[in-house]
mmCIF file of all heavy atoms, coordinates in Angstrom:
data_MODEL
# 
_entry.id   MODEL 
# 
loop_
_atom_site.group_PDB 
_atom_site.id 
_atom_site.type_symbol 
_atom_site.label_atom_id 
_atom_site.label_alt_id 
_atom_site.label_comp_id 
_atom_site.label_asym_id 
_atom_site.label_entity_id 
_atom_site.label_seq_id 
_atom_site.pdbx_PDB_ins_code 
_atom_site.Cartn_x 
_atom_site.Cartn_y 
_atom_site.Cartn_z 
_atom_site.occupancy 
_atom_site.B_iso_or_equiv 
_atom_site.pdbx_formal_charge 
_atom_site.auth_seq_id 
_atom_site.auth_comp_id 
_atom_site.auth_asym_id 
_atom_site.auth_atom_id 
_atom_site.pdbx_PDB_model_num 
ATOM 1   N N   . ARG A 1 1  ? 20.245 13.659  -5.203  1.00 0.00 ? 1  ARG A N   1 
ATOM 2   C CA  . ARG A 1 1  ? 19.998 12.691  -6.267  1.00 0.00 ? 1  ARG A CA  1 
ATOM 3   C C   . ARG A 1 1  ? 19.392 11.413  -5.677  1.00 0.00 ? 1  ARG A C   1 
ATOM 4   O O   . ARG A 1 1  ? 18.507 10.809  -6.268  1.00 0.00 ? 1  ARG A O   1 
ATOM 5   C CB  . ARG A 1 1  ? 21.301 12.388  -6.992  1.00 0.00 ? 1  ARG A CB  1 
ATOM 6   C CG  . ARG A 1 1  ? 21.143 11.487  -8.180  1.00 0.00 ? 1  ARG A CG  1 
ATOM 7   C CD  . ARG A 1 1  ? 22.429 11.431  -8.961  1.00 0.00 ? 1  ARG A CD  1 
ATOM 8   N NE  . ARG A 1 1  ? 22.356 10.375  -9.949  1.00 0.00 ? 1  ARG A NE  1 
ATOM 9   C CZ  . ARG A 1 1  ? 23.380 9.895   -10.587 1.00 0.00 ? 1  ARG A CZ  1 
ATOM 10  N NH1 . ARG A 1 1  ? 24.579 10.391  -10.358 1.00 0.00 ? 1  ARG A NH1 1 
ATOM 11  N NH2 . ARG A 1 1  ? 23.247 8.939   -11.465 1.00 0.00 ? 1  ARG A NH2 1 
ATOM 12  N N   . LEU A 1 2  ? 19.867 11.005  -4.512  1.00 0.00 ? 2  LEU A N   1 
ATOM 13  C CA  . LEU A 1 2  ? 19.345 9.821   -3.858  1.00 0.00 ? 2  LEU A CA  1 
ATOM 14  C C   . LEU A 1 2  ? 17.879 10.021  -3.469  1.00 0.00 ? 2  LEU A C   1 
ATOM 15  O O   . LEU A 1 2  ? 17.044 9.147   -3.660  1.00 0.00 ? 2  LEU A O   1 
ATOM 16  C CB  . LEU A 1 2  ? 20.178 9.493   -2.623  1.00 0.00 ? 2  LEU A CB  1 
ATOM 17  C CG  . LEU A 1 2  ? 19.817 8.225   -1.860  1.00 0.00 ? 2  LEU A CG  1 
ATOM 18  C CD1 . LEU A 1 2  ? 20.012 7.000   -2.743  1.00 0.00 ? 2  LEU A CD1 1 
ATOM 19  C CD2 . LEU A 1 2  ? 20.656 8.108   -0.614  1.00 0.00 ? 2  LEU A CD2 1 
ATOM 20  N N   . ALA A 1 3  ? 17.544 11.199  -2.953  1.00 0.00 ? 3  ALA A N   1 
ATOM 21  C CA  . ALA A 1 3  ? 16.164 11.485  -2.559  1.00 0.00 ? 3  ALA A CA  1 
ATOM 22  C C   . ALA A 1 3  ? 15.241 11.497  -3.766  1.00 0.00 ? 3  ALA A C   1 
ATOM 23  O O   . ALA A 1 3  ? 14.147 10.946  -3.722  1.00 0.00 ? 3  ALA A O   1 
ATOM 24  C CB  . ALA A 1 3  ? 16.101 12.816  -1.822  1.00 0.00 ? 3  ALA A CB  1 
ATOM 25  N N   . SER A 1 4  ? 15.671 12.104  -4.863  1.00 0.00 ? 4  SER A N   1 
ATOM 26  C CA  . SER A 1 4  ? 14.815 12.143  -6.048  1.00 0.00 ? 4  SER A CA  1 
ATOM 27  C C   . SER A 1 4  ? 14.666 10.765  -6.653  1.00 0.00 ? 4  SER A C   1 
ATOM 28  O O   . SER A 1 4  ? 13.630 10.417  -7.193  1.00 0.00 ? 4  SER A O   1 
ATOM 29  C CB  . SER A 1 4  ? 15.377 13.119  -7.085  1.00 0.00 ? 4  SER A CB  1 
ATOM 30  O OG  . SER A 1 4  ? 16.606 12.628  -7.597  1.00 0.00 ? 4  SER A OG  1 
ATOM 31  N N   . LYS A 1 5  ? 15.689 9.920   -6.525  1.00 0.00 ? 5  LYS A N   1 
ATOM 32  C CA  . LYS A 1 5  ? 15.607 8.567   -7.060  1.00 0.00 ? 5  LYS A CA  1 
ATOM 33  C C   . LYS A 1 5  ? 14.603 7.737   -6.279  1.00 0.00 ? 5  LYS A C   1 
ATOM 34  O O   . LYS A 1 5  ? 13.815 7.002   -6.850  1.00 0.00 ? 5  LYS A O   1 
ATOM 35  C CB  . LYS A 1 5  ? 16.985 7.896   -7.004  1.00 0.00 ? 5  LYS A CB  1 
ATOM 36  C CG  . LYS A 1 5  ? 16.988 6.485   -7.551  1.00 0.00 ? 5  LYS A CG  1 
ATOM 37  C CD  . LYS A 1 5  ? 18.373 5.886   -7.490  1.00 0.00 ? 5  LYS A CD  1 
ATOM 38  C CE  . LYS A 1 5  ? 18.343 4.474   -8.059  1.00 0.00 ? 5  LYS A CE  1 
ATOM 39  N NZ  . LYS A 1 5  ? 19.635 3.833   -7.986  1.00 0.00 ? 5  LYS A NZ  1 
ATOM 40  N N   . THR A 1 6  ? 14.605 7.883   -4.965  1.00 0.00 ? 6  THR A N   1 
ATOM 41  C CA  . THR A 1 6  ? 13.682 7.080   -4.161  1.00 0.00 ? 6  THR A CA  1 
ATOM 42  C C   . THR A 1 6  ? 12.249 7.549   -4.316  1.00 0.00 ? 6  THR A C   1 
ATOM 43  O O   . THR A 1 6  ? 11.331 6.758   -4.201  1.00 0.00 ? 6  THR A O   1 
ATOM 44  C CB  . THR A 1 6  ? 14.065 7.113   -2.667  1.00 0.00 ? 6  THR A CB  1 
ATOM 45  O OG1 . THR A 1 6  ? 14.095 8.460   -2.236  1.00 0.00 ? 6  THR A OG1 1 
ATOM 46  C CG2 . THR A 1 6  ? 15.395 6.450   -2.426  1.00 0.00 ? 6  THR A CG2 1 
ATOM 47  N N   . ILE A 1 7  ? 12.043 8.823   -4.611  1.00 0.00 ? 7  ILE A N   1 
ATOM 48  C CA  . ILE A 1 7  ? 10.677 9.311   -4.776  1.00 0.00 ? 7  ILE A CA  1 
ATOM 49  C C   . ILE A 1 7  ? 10.142 8.954   -6.154  1.00 0.00 ? 7  ILE A C   1 
ATOM 50  O O   . ILE A 1 7  ? 9.026  8.490   -6.290  1.00 0.00 ? 7  ILE A O   1 
ATOM 51  C CB  . ILE A 1 7  ? 10.626 10.842  -4.564  1.00 0.00 ? 7  ILE A CB  1 
ATOM 52  C CG1 . ILE A 1 7  ? 10.896 11.150  -3.098  1.00 0.00 ? 7  ILE A CG1 1 
ATOM 53  C CG2 . ILE A 1 7  ? 9.288  11.409  -5.001  1.00 0.00 ? 7  ILE A CG2 1 
ATOM 54  C CD1 . ILE A 1 7  ? 11.098 12.612  -2.812  1.00 0.00 ? 7  ILE A CD1 1 
ATOM 55  N N   . SER A 1 8  ? 10.943 9.117   -7.191  1.00 0.00 ? 8  SER A N   1 
ATOM 56  C CA  . SER A 1 8  ? 10.439 8.929   -8.537  1.00 0.00 ? 8  SER A CA  1 
ATOM 57  C C   . SER A 1 8  ? 10.505 7.487   -9.012  1.00 0.00 ? 8  SER A C   1 
ATOM 58  O O   . SER A 1 8  ? 9.775  7.097   -9.898  1.00 0.00 ? 8  SER A O   1 
ATOM 59  C CB  . SER A 1 8  ? 11.217 9.817   -9.519  1.00 0.00 ? 8  SER A CB  1 
ATOM 60  O OG  . SER A 1 8  ? 12.585 9.419   -9.539  1.00 0.00 ? 8  SER A OG  1 
ATOM 61  N N   . GLN A 1 9  ? 11.397 6.666   -8.445  1.00 0.00 ? 9  GLN A N   1 
ATOM 62  C CA  . GLN A 1 9  ? 11.547 5.303   -8.901  1.00 0.00 ? 9  GLN A CA  1 
ATOM 63  C C   . GLN A 1 9  ? 11.259 4.349   -7.749  1.00 0.00 ? 9  GLN A C   1 
ATOM 64  O O   . GLN A 1 9  ? 11.513 4.669   -6.591  1.00 0.00 ? 9  GLN A O   1 
ATOM 65  C CB  . GLN A 1 9  ? 12.970 5.070   -9.410  1.00 0.00 ? 9  GLN A CB  1 
ATOM 66  C CG  . GLN A 1 9  ? 13.312 5.913   -10.613 1.00 0.00 ? 9  GLN A CG  1 
ATOM 67  C CD  . GLN A 1 9  ? 14.771 5.720   -11.014 1.00 0.00 ? 9  GLN A CD  1 
ATOM 68  O OE1 . GLN A 1 9  ? 15.522 5.038   -10.345 1.00 0.00 ? 9  GLN A OE1 1 
ATOM 69  N NE2 . GLN A 1 9  ? 15.151 6.328   -12.111 1.00 0.00 ? 9  GLN A NE2 1 
ATOM 70  N N   . PRO A 1 10 ? 10.755 3.149   -8.081  1.00 0.00 ? 10 PRO A N   1 
ATOM 71  C CA  . PRO A 1 10 ? 10.531 2.181   -7.014  1.00 0.00 ? 10 PRO A CA  1 
ATOM 72  C C   . PRO A 1 10 ? 11.855 1.689   -6.440  1.00 0.00 ? 10 PRO A C   1 
ATOM 73  O O   . PRO A 1 10 ? 12.901 1.844   -7.053  1.00 0.00 ? 10 PRO A O   1 
ATOM 74  C CB  . PRO A 1 10 ? 9.777  1.044   -7.720  1.00 0.00 ? 10 PRO A CB  1 
ATOM 75  C CG  . PRO A 1 10 ? 10.112 1.197   -9.159  1.00 0.00 ? 10 PRO A CG  1 
ATOM 76  C CD  . PRO A 1 10 ? 10.362 2.667   -9.382  1.00 0.00 ? 10 PRO A CD  1 
ATOM 77  N N   . LEU A 1 11 ? 11.798 1.107   -5.258  1.00 0.00 ? 11 LEU A N   1 
ATOM 78  C CA  . LEU A 1 11 ? 12.995 0.561   -4.647  1.00 0.00 ? 11 LEU A CA  1 
ATOM 79  C C   . LEU A 1 11 ? 13.583 -0.528  -5.527  1.00 0.00 ? 11 LEU A C   1 
ATOM 80  O O   . LEU A 1 11 ? 12.873 -1.170  -6.300  1.00 0.00 ? 11 LEU A O   1 
ATOM 81  C CB  . LEU A 1 11 ? 12.657 -0.022  -3.270  1.00 0.00 ? 11 LEU A CB  1 
ATOM 82  C CG  . LEU A 1 11 ? 12.088 0.960   -2.261  1.00 0.00 ? 11 LEU A CG  1 
ATOM 83  C CD1 . LEU A 1 11 ? 11.649 0.204   -1.014  1.00 0.00 ? 11 LEU A CD1 1 
ATOM 84  C CD2 . LEU A 1 11 ? 13.128 1.993   -1.904  1.00 0.00 ? 11 LEU A CD2 1 
ATOM 85  N N   . GLU A 1 12 ? 14.884 -0.744  -5.402  1.00 0.00 ? 12 GLU A N   1 
ATOM 86  C CA  . GLU A 1 12 ? 15.524 -1.753  -6.230  1.00 0.00 ? 12 GLU A CA  1 
ATOM 87  C C   . GLU A 1 12 ? 14.939 -3.134  -5.968  1.00 0.00 ? 12 GLU A C   1 
ATOM 88  O O   . GLU A 1 12 ? 14.792 -3.936  -6.869  1.00 0.00 ? 12 GLU A O   1 
ATOM 89  C CB  . GLU A 1 12 ? 17.030 -1.748  -6.001  1.00 0.00 ? 12 GLU A CB  1 
ATOM 90  C CG  . GLU A 1 12 ? 17.686 -0.499  -6.563  1.00 0.00 ? 12 GLU A CG  1 
ATOM 91  C CD  . GLU A 1 12 ? 19.191 -0.498  -6.348  1.00 0.00 ? 12 GLU A CD  1 
ATOM 92  O OE1 . GLU A 1 12 ? 19.757 -1.544  -6.018  1.00 0.00 ? 12 GLU A OE1 1 
ATOM 93  O OE2 . GLU A 1 12 ? 19.781 0.564   -6.526  1.00 0.00 ? 12 GLU A OE2 1 
ATOM 94  N N   . ASN A 1 13 ? 14.625 -3.426  -4.715  1.00 0.00 ? 13 ASN A N   1 
ATOM 95  C CA  . ASN A 1 13 ? 14.002 -4.705  -4.407  1.00 0.00 ? 13 ASN A CA  1 
ATOM 96  C C   . ASN A 1 13 ? 12.588 -4.753  -4.957  1.00 0.00 ? 13 ASN A C   1 
ATOM 97  O O   . ASN A 1 13 ? 12.087 -5.796  -5.288  1.00 0.00 ? 13 ASN A O   1 
ATOM 98  C CB  . ASN A 1 13 ? 13.960 -4.940  -2.903  1.00 0.00 ? 13 ASN A CB  1 
ATOM 99  C CG  . ASN A 1 13 ? 15.329 -5.080  -2.320  1.00 0.00 ? 13 ASN A CG  1 
ATOM 100 O OD1 . ASN A 1 13 ? 16.310 -5.320  -3.032  1.00 0.00 ? 13 ASN A OD1 1 
ATOM 101 N ND2 . ASN A 1 13 ? 15.425 -4.922  -1.021  1.00 0.00 ? 13 ASN A ND2 1 
ATOM 102 N N   . GLY A 1 14 ? 11.949 -3.610  -5.029  1.00 0.00 ? 14 GLY A N   1 
ATOM 103 C CA  . GLY A 1 14 ? 10.589 -3.521  -5.537  1.00 0.00 ? 14 GLY A CA  1 
ATOM 104 C C   . GLY A 1 14 ? 9.592  -4.027  -4.517  1.00 0.00 ? 14 GLY A C   1 
ATOM 105 O O   . GLY A 1 14 ? 9.949  -4.526  -3.462  1.00 0.00 ? 14 GLY A O   1 
ATOM 106 N N   . PRO A 1 15 ? 8.337  -3.896  -4.835  1.00 0.00 ? 15 PRO A N   1 
ATOM 107 C CA  . PRO A 1 15 ? 7.321  -4.397  -3.923  1.00 0.00 ? 15 PRO A CA  1 
ATOM 108 C C   . PRO A 1 15 ? 7.383  -5.916  -3.839  1.00 0.00 ? 15 PRO A C   1 
ATOM 109 O O   . PRO A 1 15 ? 7.870  -6.574  -4.745  1.00 0.00 ? 15 PRO A O   1 
ATOM 110 C CB  . PRO A 1 15 ? 6.012  -3.936  -4.555  1.00 0.00 ? 15 PRO A CB  1 
ATOM 111 C CG  . PRO A 1 15 ? 6.353  -3.138  -5.740  1.00 0.00 ? 15 PRO A CG  1 
ATOM 112 C CD  . PRO A 1 15 ? 7.812  -3.235  -5.984  1.00 0.00 ? 15 PRO A CD  1 
ATOM 113 N N   . GLN A 1 16 ? 6.872  -6.441  -2.752  1.00 0.00 ? 16 GLN A N   1 
ATOM 114 C CA  . GLN A 1 16 ? 6.847  -7.883  -2.571  1.00 0.00 ? 16 GLN A CA  1 
ATOM 115 C C   . GLN A 1 16 ? 5.897  -8.498  -3.593  1.00 0.00 ? 16 GLN A C   1 
ATOM 116 O O   . GLN A 1 16 ? 4.928  -7.885  -4.010  1.00 0.00 ? 16 GLN A O   1 
ATOM 117 C CB  . GLN A 1 16 ? 6.367  -8.219  -1.158  1.00 0.00 ? 16 GLN A CB  1 
ATOM 118 C CG  . GLN A 1 16 ? 7.283  -7.754  -0.073  1.00 0.00 ? 16 GLN A CG  1 
ATOM 119 C CD  . GLN A 1 16 ? 8.575  -8.530  -0.063  1.00 0.00 ? 16 GLN A CD  1 
ATOM 120 O OE1 . GLN A 1 16 ? 8.608  -9.709  -0.349  1.00 0.00 ? 16 GLN A OE1 1 
ATOM 121 N NE2 . GLN A 1 16 ? 9.657  -7.864  0.250   1.00 0.00 ? 16 GLN A NE2 1 
ATOM 122 N N   . PRO A 1 17 ? 6.155  -9.728  -4.003  1.00 0.00 ? 17 PRO A N   1 
ATOM 123 C CA  . PRO A 1 17 ? 5.241  -10.387 -4.935  1.00 0.00 ? 17 PRO A CA  1 
ATOM 124 C C   . PRO A 1 17 ? 3.908  -10.674 -4.253  1.00 0.00 ? 17 PRO A C   1 
ATOM 125 O O   . PRO A 1 17 ? 3.819  -10.687 -3.031  1.00 0.00 ? 17 PRO A O   1 
ATOM 126 C CB  . PRO A 1 17 ? 5.978  -11.689 -5.281  1.00 0.00 ? 17 PRO A CB  1 
ATOM 127 C CG  . PRO A 1 17 ? 6.905  -11.919 -4.157  1.00 0.00 ? 17 PRO A CG  1 
ATOM 128 C CD  . PRO A 1 17 ? 7.284  -10.556 -3.637  1.00 0.00 ? 17 PRO A CD  1 
ATOM 129 N N   . PRO A 1 18 ? 2.870  -10.909 -5.052  1.00 0.00 ? 18 PRO A N   1 
ATOM 130 C CA  . PRO A 1 18 ? 1.561  -11.149 -4.458  1.00 0.00 ? 18 PRO A CA  1 
ATOM 131 C C   . PRO A 1 18 ? 1.499  -12.403 -3.601  1.00 0.00 ? 18 PRO A C   1 
ATOM 132 O O   . PRO A 1 18 ? 0.575  -12.578 -2.831  1.00 0.00 ? 18 PRO A O   1 
ATOM 133 C CB  . PRO A 1 18 ? 0.623  -11.244 -5.662  1.00 0.00 ? 18 PRO A CB  1 
ATOM 134 C CG  . PRO A 1 18 ? 1.488  -11.428 -6.846  1.00 0.00 ? 18 PRO A CG  1 
ATOM 135 C CD  . PRO A 1 18 ? 2.838  -10.893 -6.497  1.00 0.00 ? 18 PRO A CD  1 
ATOM 136 N N   . GLY A 1 19 ? 2.494  -13.279 -3.684  1.00 0.00 ? 19 GLY A N   1 
ATOM 137 C CA  . GLY A 1 19 ? 2.516  -14.494 -2.877  1.00 0.00 ? 19 GLY A CA  1 
ATOM 138 C C   . GLY A 1 19 ? 2.552  -14.212 -1.388  1.00 0.00 ? 19 GLY A C   1 
ATOM 139 O O   . GLY A 1 19 ? 2.091  -15.025 -0.590  1.00 0.00 ? 19 GLY A O   1 
ATOM 140 N N   . ILE A 1 20 ? 3.071  -13.060 -1.012  1.00 0.00 ? 20 ILE A N   1 
ATOM 141 C CA  . ILE A 1 20 ? 3.137  -12.700 0.412   1.00 0.00 ? 20 ILE A CA  1 
ATOM 142 C C   . ILE A 1 20 ? 1.730  -12.509 0.967   1.00 0.00 ? 20 ILE A C   1 
ATOM 143 O O   . ILE A 1 20 ? 1.522  -12.547 2.168   1.00 0.00 ? 20 ILE A O   1 
ATOM 144 C CB  . ILE A 1 20 ? 4.019  -11.444 0.616   1.00 0.00 ? 20 ILE A CB  1 
ATOM 145 C CG1 . ILE A 1 20 ? 4.480  -11.292 2.061   1.00 0.00 ? 20 ILE A CG1 1 
ATOM 146 C CG2 . ILE A 1 20 ? 3.298  -10.201 0.189   1.00 0.00 ? 20 ILE A CG2 1 
ATOM 147 C CD1 . ILE A 1 20 ? 5.602  -12.159 2.434   1.00 0.00 ? 20 ILE A CD1 1 
ATOM 148 N N   . ILE A 1 21 ? 0.758  -12.330 0.102   1.00 0.00 ? 21 ILE A N   1 
ATOM 149 C CA  . ILE A 1 21 ? -0.648 -12.226 0.499   1.00 0.00 ? 21 ILE A CA  1 
ATOM 150 C C   . ILE A 1 21 ? -1.374 -13.547 0.218   1.00 0.00 ? 21 ILE A C   1 
ATOM 151 O O   . ILE A 1 21 ? -2.183 -14.001 1.024   1.00 0.00 ? 21 ILE A O   1 
ATOM 152 C CB  . ILE A 1 21 ? -1.343 -11.075 -0.269  1.00 0.00 ? 21 ILE A CB  1 
ATOM 153 C CG1 . ILE A 1 21 ? -0.656 -9.748  0.003   1.00 0.00 ? 21 ILE A CG1 1 
ATOM 154 C CG2 . ILE A 1 21 ? -2.825 -11.012 0.043   1.00 0.00 ? 21 ILE A CG2 1 
ATOM 155 C CD1 . ILE A 1 21 ? -0.713 -9.279  1.428   1.00 0.00 ? 21 ILE A CD1 1 
ATOM 156 N N   . LYS A 1 22 ? -1.071 -14.178 -0.916  1.00 0.00 ? 22 LYS A N   1 
ATOM 157 C CA  . LYS A 1 22 ? -1.800 -15.381 -1.318  1.00 0.00 ? 22 LYS A CA  1 
ATOM 158 C C   . LYS A 1 22 ? -1.592 -16.555 -0.366  1.00 0.00 ? 22 LYS A C   1 
ATOM 159 O O   . LYS A 1 22 ? -2.533 -17.280 -0.062  1.00 0.00 ? 22 LYS A O   1 
ATOM 160 C CB  . LYS A 1 22 ? -1.367 -15.804 -2.726  1.00 0.00 ? 22 LYS A CB  1 
ATOM 161 C CG  . LYS A 1 22 ? -1.804 -14.876 -3.815  1.00 0.00 ? 22 LYS A CG  1 
ATOM 162 C CD  . LYS A 1 22 ? -1.287 -15.379 -5.145  1.00 0.00 ? 22 LYS A CD  1 
ATOM 163 C CE  . LYS A 1 22 ? -1.511 -14.398 -6.253  1.00 0.00 ? 22 LYS A CE  1 
ATOM 164 N NZ  . LYS A 1 22 ? -0.902 -14.851 -7.500  1.00 0.00 ? 22 LYS A NZ  1 
ATOM 165 N N   . VAL A 1 23 ? -0.371 -16.752 0.088   1.00 0.00 ? 23 VAL A N   1 
ATOM 166 C CA  . VAL A 1 23 ? -0.088 -17.921 0.931   1.00 0.00 ? 23 VAL A CA  1 
ATOM 167 C C   . VAL A 1 23 ? -0.831 -17.845 2.265   1.00 0.00 ? 23 VAL A C   1 
ATOM 168 O O   . VAL A 1 23 ? -1.540 -18.799 2.624   1.00 0.00 ? 23 VAL A O   1 
ATOM 169 C CB  . VAL A 1 23 ? 1.439  -18.097 1.118   1.00 0.00 ? 23 VAL A CB  1 
ATOM 170 C CG1 . VAL A 1 23 ? 1.737  -19.173 2.129   1.00 0.00 ? 23 VAL A CG1 1 
ATOM 171 C CG2 . VAL A 1 23 ? 2.096  -18.415 -0.214  1.00 0.00 ? 23 VAL A CG2 1 
ATOM 172 N N   . PRO A 1 24 ? -0.742 -16.729 3.030   1.00 0.00 ? 24 PRO A N   1 
ATOM 173 C CA  . PRO A 1 24 ? -1.528 -16.686 4.270   1.00 0.00 ? 24 PRO A CA  1 
ATOM 174 C C   . PRO A 1 24 ? -3.034 -16.735 4.022   1.00 0.00 ? 24 PRO A C   1 
ATOM 175 O O   . PRO A 1 24 ? -3.782 -17.282 4.839   1.00 0.00 ? 24 PRO A O   1 
ATOM 176 C CB  . PRO A 1 24 ? -1.139 -15.352 4.911   1.00 0.00 ? 24 PRO A CB  1 
ATOM 177 C CG  . PRO A 1 24 ? 0.075  -14.901 4.231   1.00 0.00 ? 24 PRO A CG  1 
ATOM 178 C CD  . PRO A 1 24 ? 0.123  -15.569 2.911   1.00 0.00 ? 24 PRO A CD  1 
ATOM 179 N N   . LEU A 1 25 ? -3.477 -16.196 2.892   1.00 0.00 ? 25 LEU A N   1 
ATOM 180 C CA  . LEU A 1 25 ? -4.897 -16.249 2.554   1.00 0.00 ? 25 LEU A CA  1 
ATOM 181 C C   . LEU A 1 25 ? -5.350 -17.690 2.365   1.00 0.00 ? 25 LEU A C   1 
ATOM 182 O O   . LEU A 1 25 ? -6.395 -18.101 2.885   1.00 0.00 ? 25 LEU A O   1 
ATOM 183 C CB  . LEU A 1 25 ? -5.158 -15.428 1.284   1.00 0.00 ? 25 LEU A CB  1 
ATOM 184 C CG  . LEU A 1 25 ? -6.594 -15.288 0.833   1.00 0.00 ? 25 LEU A CG  1 
ATOM 185 C CD1 . LEU A 1 25 ? -7.375 -14.465 1.848   1.00 0.00 ? 25 LEU A CD1 1 
ATOM 186 C CD2 . LEU A 1 25 ? -6.643 -14.615 -0.526  1.00 0.00 ? 25 LEU A CD2 1 
ATOM 187 N N   . LEU A 1 26 ? -4.547 -18.471 1.668   1.00 0.00 ? 26 LEU A N   1 
ATOM 188 C CA  . LEU A 1 26 ? -4.877 -19.878 1.445   1.00 0.00 ? 26 LEU A CA  1 
ATOM 189 C C   . LEU A 1 26 ? -4.811 -20.666 2.754   1.00 0.00 ? 26 LEU A C   1 
ATOM 190 O O   . LEU A 1 26 ? -5.684 -21.498 3.035   1.00 0.00 ? 26 LEU A O   1 
ATOM 191 C CB  . LEU A 1 26 ? -3.921 -20.484 0.415   1.00 0.00 ? 26 LEU A CB  1 
ATOM 192 C CG  . LEU A 1 26 ? -4.206 -21.913 -0.016  1.00 0.00 ? 26 LEU A CG  1 
ATOM 193 C CD1 . LEU A 1 26 ? -5.589 -22.006 -0.637  1.00 0.00 ? 26 LEU A CD1 1 
ATOM 194 C CD2 . LEU A 1 26 ? -3.153 -22.387 -0.986  1.00 0.00 ? 26 LEU A CD2 1 
ATOM 195 N N   . ILE A 1 27 ? -3.807 -20.396 3.578   1.00 0.00 ? 27 ILE A N   1 
ATOM 196 C CA  . ILE A 1 27 ? -3.693 -21.088 4.868   1.00 0.00 ? 27 ILE A CA  1 
ATOM 197 C C   . ILE A 1 27 ? -4.900 -20.766 5.755   1.00 0.00 ? 27 ILE A C   1 
ATOM 198 O O   . ILE A 1 27 ? -5.469 -21.652 6.392   1.00 0.00 ? 27 ILE A O   1 
ATOM 199 C CB  . ILE A 1 27 ? -2.372 -20.714 5.568   1.00 0.00 ? 27 ILE A CB  1 
ATOM 200 C CG1 . ILE A 1 27 ? -1.198 -21.303 4.793   1.00 0.00 ? 27 ILE A CG1 1 
ATOM 201 C CG2 . ILE A 1 27 ? -2.363 -21.197 7.010   1.00 0.00 ? 27 ILE A CG2 1 
ATOM 202 C CD1 . ILE A 1 27 ? 0.149  -20.807 5.255   1.00 0.00 ? 27 ILE A CD1 1 
# 
């Protein structure tokens, strides 16, 4: 059940927000 949950659903934390890309791009 754990394996099927991780494959079919995103992680609970989810992907990082786009800020993890925007801030270094701006810097």
